[in-house]
Amino acid sequence: MKRILAAAVVVLMTAGCGRSLVQDFRSGFPTKDMVEVKTPASSSLKEGGDLATSYSALQGERANSYSLTRGATVTINTGTLWVLGLVKAITDQQPTTVEQDKAIWGPGSDALDPNIYKMTATRDPNSDDSFSYALEAKPKSAADSAYVVILSGHHVRTSDVHGSGSFLVDWDAAQTLVDHDPNAVGTATVDYSREDGTNNVTVSAEFDNVNDGNGGRQDLSYRYAKAPGADGSFEFKAFQNIDSDPSRSMPEKWTVHSRWNETGAGRADYQVSEGNLTSPVTGNECWDTSFNSSMVIASWDPSQNYGSEATDCSTFTSASYSDL
């Protein structure tokens, strides 16, 4: 779908009018700063991690739950920030038409592109700060009734750089287009709120029926909250099989709740359930300001345990499991 959406940036560039009104519409879209999920960073971090091997680190080594948390934030940021970069690239151009409550970019298409695109933004007639938008596409040879919405959203601005809202990326709809990515399936719904520089920042994302990389589909959930100058938290839910036994092939449900303070020190609390498990199991890991593991509790294998919650977990001395 990136290939299809990138083509839309190229073709939706036409002559413009009404600069002040256009700028007003441009501030009716979310920016990446409103939606980006930010966790403590290490310049030497290798992003990623594997749920099923999350406690392979030794005490004092890079905490695997920290790496896993950072890898999960990369997953959500890669999709959402790319989409918002696309929106900005389109709306930085002058619209084809602009009215008091509507602006349209396109429809247009490069000569060699098999699809045609149209971006529409509308203002709520009852609120100057409430906007809806949609990016539509169809095969170039198809009738206008074939247009499908591949990106849509709603944004309520509180300033040019703050606001709240949601958007939907529909990869299933894009499957109707020519030259689509057959592996890009499902939908992603993102809700965000960053209304000013002092209130909490929240981002949640639901990836529904997306490609799991193994020929199937799965659902993924993410939830992020950060208070300016204070602690942050990130929760995510995924499905992965923890058994190598082929007779126990059902994937288990993993939920992870990671928390950290401004120093970078933090904690992750895991819960694994469903699948072939008869009862849930839990795991906990803390890391220090260098992102190295300082405490582990693995309910399924106490031989992996080390450290103390009371002394090795910064301010996060008790478990807090996700309810995703």
Protein backbone atom coordinates (compact mmCIF):
# COMPACT_ATOMS: atom_id res chain seq x y z
CA MET A 1 0.00 0.00 0.00
CA LYS A 2 2.96 2.35 0.51
CA ARG A 3 3.61 2.18 -3.22
CA ILE A 4 0.01 3.15 -3.97
CA LEU A 5 -0.11 5.96 -1.42
CA ALA A 6 3.26 7.34 -2.49
CA ALA A 7 1.92 7.67 -6.02
CA ALA A 8 -0.88 9.82 -4.65
CA VAL A 9 1.65 12.37 -3.41
CA VAL A 10 3.04 12.78 -6.93
CA VAL A 11 -0.24 13.23 -8.72
CA LEU A 12 -2.15 15.44 -6.27
CA MET A 13 -0.14 18.59 -7.03
CA THR A 14 -2.12 21.21 -8.89
CA ALA A 15 -2.48 24.99 -9.12
CA GLY A 16 -3.93 26.66 -6.05
CA CYS A 17 -5.89 29.55 -4.65
CA GLY A 18 -6.91 31.19 -1.39
CA ARG A 19 -3.68 30.89 0.63
CA SER A 20 -5.12 31.83 4.05
CA LEU A 21 -8.08 29.49 3.70
CA VAL A 22 -5.79 26.70 2.47
CA GLN A 23 -3.53 27.18 5.48
CA ASP A 24 -6.57 26.90 7.72
CA PHE A 25 -7.37 23.51 6.21
CA ARG A 26 -3.74 22.40 6.54
CA SER A 27 -3.93 22.90 10.30
CA GLY A 28 -6.97 20.61 10.35
CA PHE A 29 -4.83 17.46 9.97
CA PRO A 30 -2.80 15.64 12.62
CA THR A 31 0.97 15.99 12.56
CA LYS A 32 3.47 13.28 13.46
CA ASP A 33 4.29 15.07 16.73
CA MET A 34 0.68 14.52 17.84
CA VAL A 35 0.80 10.78 17.18
CA GLU A 36 4.40 9.66 17.71
CA VAL A 37 4.99 7.12 20.48
CA LYS A 38 8.20 8.05 22.31
CA THR A 39 10.06 5.75 24.68
CA PRO A 40 13.49 6.15 26.29
CA ALA A 41 16.12 5.63 23.59
CA SER A 42 19.54 4.05 23.49
CA SER A 43 21.82 4.87 20.56
CA SER A 44 23.18 1.32 20.63
CA LEU A 45 19.77 -0.38 20.71
CA LYS A 46 19.03 -3.08 18.21
CA GLU A 47 15.28 -2.66 17.80
CA GLY A 48 13.02 -5.65 18.17
CA GLY A 49 12.86 -8.68 20.41
CA ASP A 50 11.01 -11.94 20.64
CA LEU A 51 8.18 -12.43 23.11
CA ALA A 52 8.95 -16.10 23.61
CA THR A 53 12.62 -15.50 24.48
CA SER A 54 12.21 -12.27 26.41
CA TYR A 55 14.09 -13.50 29.48
CA SER A 56 17.26 -14.77 27.83
CA ALA A 57 19.25 -11.75 29.05
CA LEU A 58 21.50 -12.08 32.07
CA GLN A 59 21.52 -9.64 34.95
CA GLY A 60 23.36 -6.49 33.86
CA GLU A 61 22.85 -7.10 30.14
CA ARG A 62 20.48 -5.13 27.90
CA ALA A 63 16.94 -5.81 29.18
CA ASN A 64 15.07 -7.81 26.56
CA SER A 65 11.72 -6.40 27.67
CA TYR A 66 13.10 -2.89 27.04
CA SER A 67 14.22 -3.93 23.54
CA LEU A 68 10.84 -5.56 22.96
CA THR A 69 9.02 -2.39 24.06
CA ARG A 70 11.15 -0.24 21.77
CA GLY A 71 10.59 -2.69 18.90
CA ALA A 72 6.82 -2.51 19.43
CA THR A 73 6.88 1.29 19.33
CA VAL A 74 8.81 1.10 16.05
CA THR A 75 5.99 -1.05 14.64
CA ILE A 76 3.30 1.51 15.43
CA ASN A 77 5.45 4.53 14.51
CA THR A 78 6.53 3.05 11.18
CA GLY A 79 2.91 2.77 10.04
CA THR A 80 1.34 5.86 11.57
CA LEU A 81 4.13 8.37 10.99
CA TRP A 82 4.52 7.29 7.38
CA VAL A 83 0.80 7.86 6.80
CA LEU A 84 0.97 11.32 8.40
CA GLY A 85 4.02 12.14 6.30
CA LEU A 86 1.94 11.25 3.27
CA VAL A 87 -0.93 13.49 4.41
CA LYS A 88 1.48 16.39 4.91
CA ALA A 89 3.10 15.82 1.51
CA ILE A 90 -0.29 16.01 -0.19
CA THR A 91 -1.69 18.96 1.76
CA ASP A 92 1.51 20.98 1.45
CA GLN A 93 0.48 21.32 -2.21
CA GLN A 94 -2.25 23.69 -3.31
CA PRO A 95 -5.70 22.10 -3.57
CA THR A 96 -7.53 21.82 -6.87
CA THR A 97 -10.53 23.56 -5.33
CA VAL A 98 -11.13 25.21 -1.98
CA GLU A 99 -14.32 26.52 -0.41
CA GLN A 100 -15.17 27.77 3.06
CA ASP A 101 -15.91 24.26 4.34
CA LYS A 102 -14.21 21.97 1.80
CA ALA A 103 -10.86 21.54 0.08
CA ILE A 104 -10.09 18.95 -2.62
CA TRP A 105 -6.74 17.77 -3.95
CA GLY A 106 -7.18 15.97 -7.28
CA PRO A 107 -8.56 13.81 -8.74
CA GLY A 108 -5.34 13.17 -10.54
CA SER A 109 -3.01 10.52 -11.81
CA ASP A 110 0.43 10.22 -13.35
CA ALA A 111 0.29 9.12 -16.98
CA LEU A 112 1.80 5.71 -16.18
CA ASP A 113 -0.06 5.13 -12.91
CA PRO A 114 -2.94 2.64 -13.29
CA ASN A 115 -4.86 4.30 -10.42
CA ILE A 116 -6.32 7.77 -9.83
CA TYR A 117 -6.52 9.61 -6.48
CA LYS A 118 -8.54 12.26 -4.68
CA MET A 119 -8.08 13.84 -1.25
CA THR A 120 -11.01 15.68 0.35
CA ALA A 121 -11.07 17.65 3.61
CA THR A 122 -14.31 19.05 5.07
CA ARG A 123 -14.92 21.36 7.98
CA ASP A 124 -17.75 20.73 10.43
CA PRO A 125 -20.26 23.55 9.79
CA ASN A 126 -20.84 23.77 13.55
CA SER A 127 -17.18 24.04 14.54
CA ASP A 128 -14.31 25.91 12.88
CA ASP A 129 -11.82 23.52 14.50
CA SER A 130 -13.34 20.15 13.57
CA PHE A 131 -12.26 18.53 10.28
CA SER A 132 -12.81 15.24 8.45
CA TYR A 133 -10.68 13.97 5.57
CA ALA A 134 -10.50 11.04 3.17
CA LEU A 135 -8.06 9.80 0.55
CA GLU A 136 -9.87 7.88 -2.21
CA ALA A 137 -8.54 5.88 -5.14
CA LYS A 138 -9.81 3.76 -8.01
CA PRO A 139 -8.40 2.03 -11.08
CA LYS A 140 -7.98 4.64 -13.79
CA SER A 141 -10.20 2.74 -16.22
CA ALA A 142 -13.04 2.27 -13.70
CA ALA A 143 -16.16 4.39 -13.23
CA ASP A 144 -16.30 6.93 -10.41
CA SER A 145 -18.49 4.48 -8.47
CA ALA A 146 -15.33 2.36 -8.03
CA TYR A 147 -13.62 4.88 -5.74
CA VAL A 148 -12.65 3.32 -2.39
CA VAL A 149 -11.49 5.14 0.74
CA ILE A 150 -8.01 3.94 1.68
CA LEU A 151 -7.35 6.54 4.39
CA SER A 152 -9.87 8.52 6.42
CA GLY A 153 -9.89 10.48 9.65
CA HIS A 154 -11.30 13.16 11.88
CA HIS A 155 -9.28 15.84 13.68
CA VAL A 156 -10.22 18.47 16.26
CA ARG A 157 -7.50 21.08 16.56
CA THR A 158 -6.71 22.99 19.71
CA SER A 159 -3.83 24.82 17.99
CA ASP A 160 -1.82 24.45 14.79
CA VAL A 161 0.39 21.88 16.54
CA HIS A 162 -2.04 20.25 18.99
CA GLY A 163 -5.33 18.39 18.77
CA SER A 164 -7.09 15.05 19.02
CA GLY A 165 -8.82 12.64 16.70
CA SER A 166 -8.53 9.33 14.90
CA PHE A 167 -7.74 7.89 11.48
CA LEU A 168 -8.23 4.59 9.67
CA VAL A 169 -5.89 2.98 7.15
CA ASP A 170 -7.74 0.38 5.07
CA TRP A 171 -5.39 -2.06 3.34
CA ASP A 172 -8.31 -4.34 2.42
CA ALA A 173 -9.88 -1.52 0.40
CA ALA A 174 -6.57 -0.97 -1.37
CA GLN A 175 -6.72 -4.57 -2.59
CA THR A 176 -9.27 -3.39 -5.18
CA LEU A 177 -6.65 -1.16 -6.83
CA VAL A 178 -4.26 -2.06 -9.59
CA ASP A 179 -0.68 -2.91 -8.58
CA HIS A 180 -1.53 -3.29 -4.89
CA ASP A 181 0.64 -5.09 -2.33
CA PRO A 182 -0.95 -8.52 -1.78
CA ASN A 183 0.62 -8.76 1.69
CA ALA A 184 -0.88 -5.49 2.93
CA VAL A 185 -4.22 -6.58 4.38
CA GLY A 186 -6.51 -5.66 7.25
CA THR A 187 -7.03 -2.25 8.80
CA ALA A 188 -5.37 0.01 11.36
CA THR A 189 -7.30 2.46 13.55
CA VAL A 190 -5.34 5.08 15.49
CA ASP A 191 -6.78 7.35 18.19
CA TYR A 192 -4.66 10.18 19.60
CA SER A 193 -4.88 13.15 21.94
CA ARG A 194 -2.21 15.82 22.38
CA GLU A 195 -4.33 18.85 23.13
CA ASP A 196 -1.60 21.13 24.52
CA GLY A 197 1.88 21.07 25.98
CA THR A 198 0.83 20.30 29.55
CA ASN A 199 -1.83 17.56 29.40
CA ASN A 200 -1.14 13.85 29.01
CA VAL A 201 -0.37 12.53 25.55
CA THR A 202 -2.30 9.38 24.60
CA VAL A 203 -2.15 7.19 21.51
CA SER A 204 -3.94 3.90 20.92
CA ALA A 205 -3.87 1.70 17.84
CA GLU A 206 -5.77 -1.38 16.74
CA PHE A 207 -4.40 -3.45 13.86
CA ASP A 208 -7.23 -5.76 12.78
CA ASN A 209 -6.80 -8.88 10.67
CA VAL A 210 -3.35 -7.88 9.44
CA ASN A 211 -0.68 -10.12 7.94
CA ASP A 212 1.15 -12.11 10.62
CA GLY A 213 4.09 -12.88 8.35
CA ASN A 214 3.36 -16.61 8.41
CA GLY A 215 0.53 -16.84 5.91
CA GLY A 216 -2.19 -15.99 8.42
CA ARG A 217 -3.75 -12.93 10.00
CA GLN A 218 -3.77 -11.54 13.51
CA ASP A 219 -4.95 -8.61 15.62
CA LEU A 220 -2.52 -6.30 17.45
CA SER A 221 -3.30 -3.66 20.06
CA TYR A 222 -1.16 -0.80 21.37
CA ARG A 223 -1.79 1.85 24.02
CA TYR A 224 0.56 4.70 25.00
CA ALA A 225 0.37 7.45 27.62
CA LYS A 226 2.95 10.07 28.59
CA ALA A 227 2.73 13.01 30.95
CA PRO A 228 5.05 15.90 30.01
CA GLY A 229 8.12 15.74 32.25
CA ALA A 230 6.85 12.64 34.05
CA ASP A 231 6.42 8.86 33.72
CA GLY A 232 5.32 7.11 30.55
CA SER A 233 3.64 3.79 29.82
CA PHE A 234 3.13 1.58 26.80
CA GLU A 235 0.91 -1.51 26.54
CA PHE A 236 0.62 -3.96 23.70
CA LYS A 237 -1.09 -7.23 22.91
CA ALA A 238 0.03 -9.85 20.42
CA PHE A 239 -0.30 -13.57 19.76
CA GLN A 240 2.68 -15.91 19.60
CA ASN A 241 3.14 -19.62 20.24
CA ILE A 242 5.52 -20.34 23.13
CA ASP A 243 5.72 -24.09 22.43
CA SER A 244 8.09 -25.90 20.08
CA ASP A 245 5.95 -29.04 20.41
CA PRO A 246 3.99 -29.34 17.10
CA SER A 247 1.05 -30.86 18.96
CA ARG A 248 0.71 -27.60 20.94
CA SER A 249 0.58 -25.15 18.06
CA MET A 250 -2.14 -22.76 19.23
CA PRO A 251 -0.78 -19.21 19.70
CA GLU A 252 -0.90 -17.75 23.19
CA LYS A 253 -2.11 -14.26 24.02
CA TRP A 254 0.68 -12.00 25.30
CA THR A 255 0.02 -8.68 27.00
CA VAL A 256 2.89 -6.44 28.05
CA HIS A 257 2.70 -3.29 30.18
CA SER A 258 5.91 -1.26 30.19
CA ARG A 259 6.49 1.81 32.37
CA TRP A 260 9.44 4.17 32.67
CA ASN A 261 10.43 7.43 34.32
CA GLU A 262 12.32 10.43 32.99
CA THR A 263 15.71 8.84 33.80
CA GLY A 264 14.93 5.97 31.39
CA ALA A 265 14.71 3.34 34.13
CA GLY A 266 11.61 1.20 33.83
CA ARG A 267 9.74 -2.05 34.15
CA ALA A 268 7.70 -4.44 32.00
CA ASP A 269 5.03 -6.84 33.29
CA TYR A 270 3.95 -9.74 31.07
CA GLN A 271 0.93 -12.00 31.17
CA VAL A 272 0.57 -15.01 28.88
CA SER A 273 -2.75 -16.82 28.55
CA GLU A 274 -5.08 -18.76 26.24
CA GLY A 275 -3.68 -20.98 23.49
CA ASN A 276 -2.50 -24.29 24.96
CA LEU A 277 -2.10 -22.89 28.47
CA THR A 278 -4.45 -24.21 31.14
CA SER A 279 -3.77 -21.15 33.34
CA PRO A 280 -2.02 -17.80 32.81
CA VAL A 281 1.67 -17.32 33.51
CA THR A 282 3.37 -14.02 34.32
CA GLY A 283 6.78 -12.43 33.99
CA ASN A 284 8.37 -9.21 35.21
CA GLU A 285 11.59 -7.40 34.34
CA CYS A 286 13.11 -4.11 35.49
CA TRP A 287 15.90 -2.15 33.83
CA ASP A 288 18.19 0.60 35.04
CA THR A 289 19.08 3.99 33.53
CA SER A 290 21.46 2.24 31.11
CA PHE A 291 18.56 -0.03 29.97
CA ASN A 292 20.28 -3.07 31.48
CA SER A 293 18.28 -5.78 33.23
CA SER A 294 18.24 -5.43 37.03
CA MET A 295 15.41 -7.75 38.12
CA VAL A 296 13.51 -10.69 36.65
CA ILE A 297 10.64 -12.81 37.95
CA ALA A 298 9.50 -15.64 35.63
CA SER A 299 6.60 -17.57 37.11
CA TRP A 300 7.11 -20.50 34.72
CA ASP A 301 10.85 -20.87 35.48
CA PRO A 302 12.04 -19.43 38.83
CA SER A 303 15.62 -20.46 37.96
CA GLN A 304 15.73 -17.34 35.76
CA ASN A 305 14.89 -15.01 38.64
CA TYR A 306 17.34 -12.44 40.00
CA GLY A 307 17.30 -9.04 41.69
CA SER A 308 14.79 -7.48 44.07
CA GLU A 309 11.63 -5.52 43.32
CA ALA A 310 12.21 -3.36 46.39
CA THR A 311 15.76 -2.29 45.47
CA ASP A 312 16.24 -2.93 41.74
CA CYS A 313 13.07 -1.54 40.14
CA SER A 314 13.46 2.22 40.47
CA THR A 315 10.01 3.57 41.44
CA PHE A 316 8.09 0.64 39.91
CA THR A 317 8.21 -1.81 42.79
CA SER A 318 4.96 -3.68 42.07
CA ALA A 319 3.51 -5.36 39.03
CA SER A 320 0.85 -3.75 36.82
CA TYR A 321 -0.56 -6.00 34.09
CA SER A 322 -2.30 -4.79 30.95
CA ASP A 323 -6.05 -5.30 30.53
CA LEU A 324 -5.86 -5.33 26.70
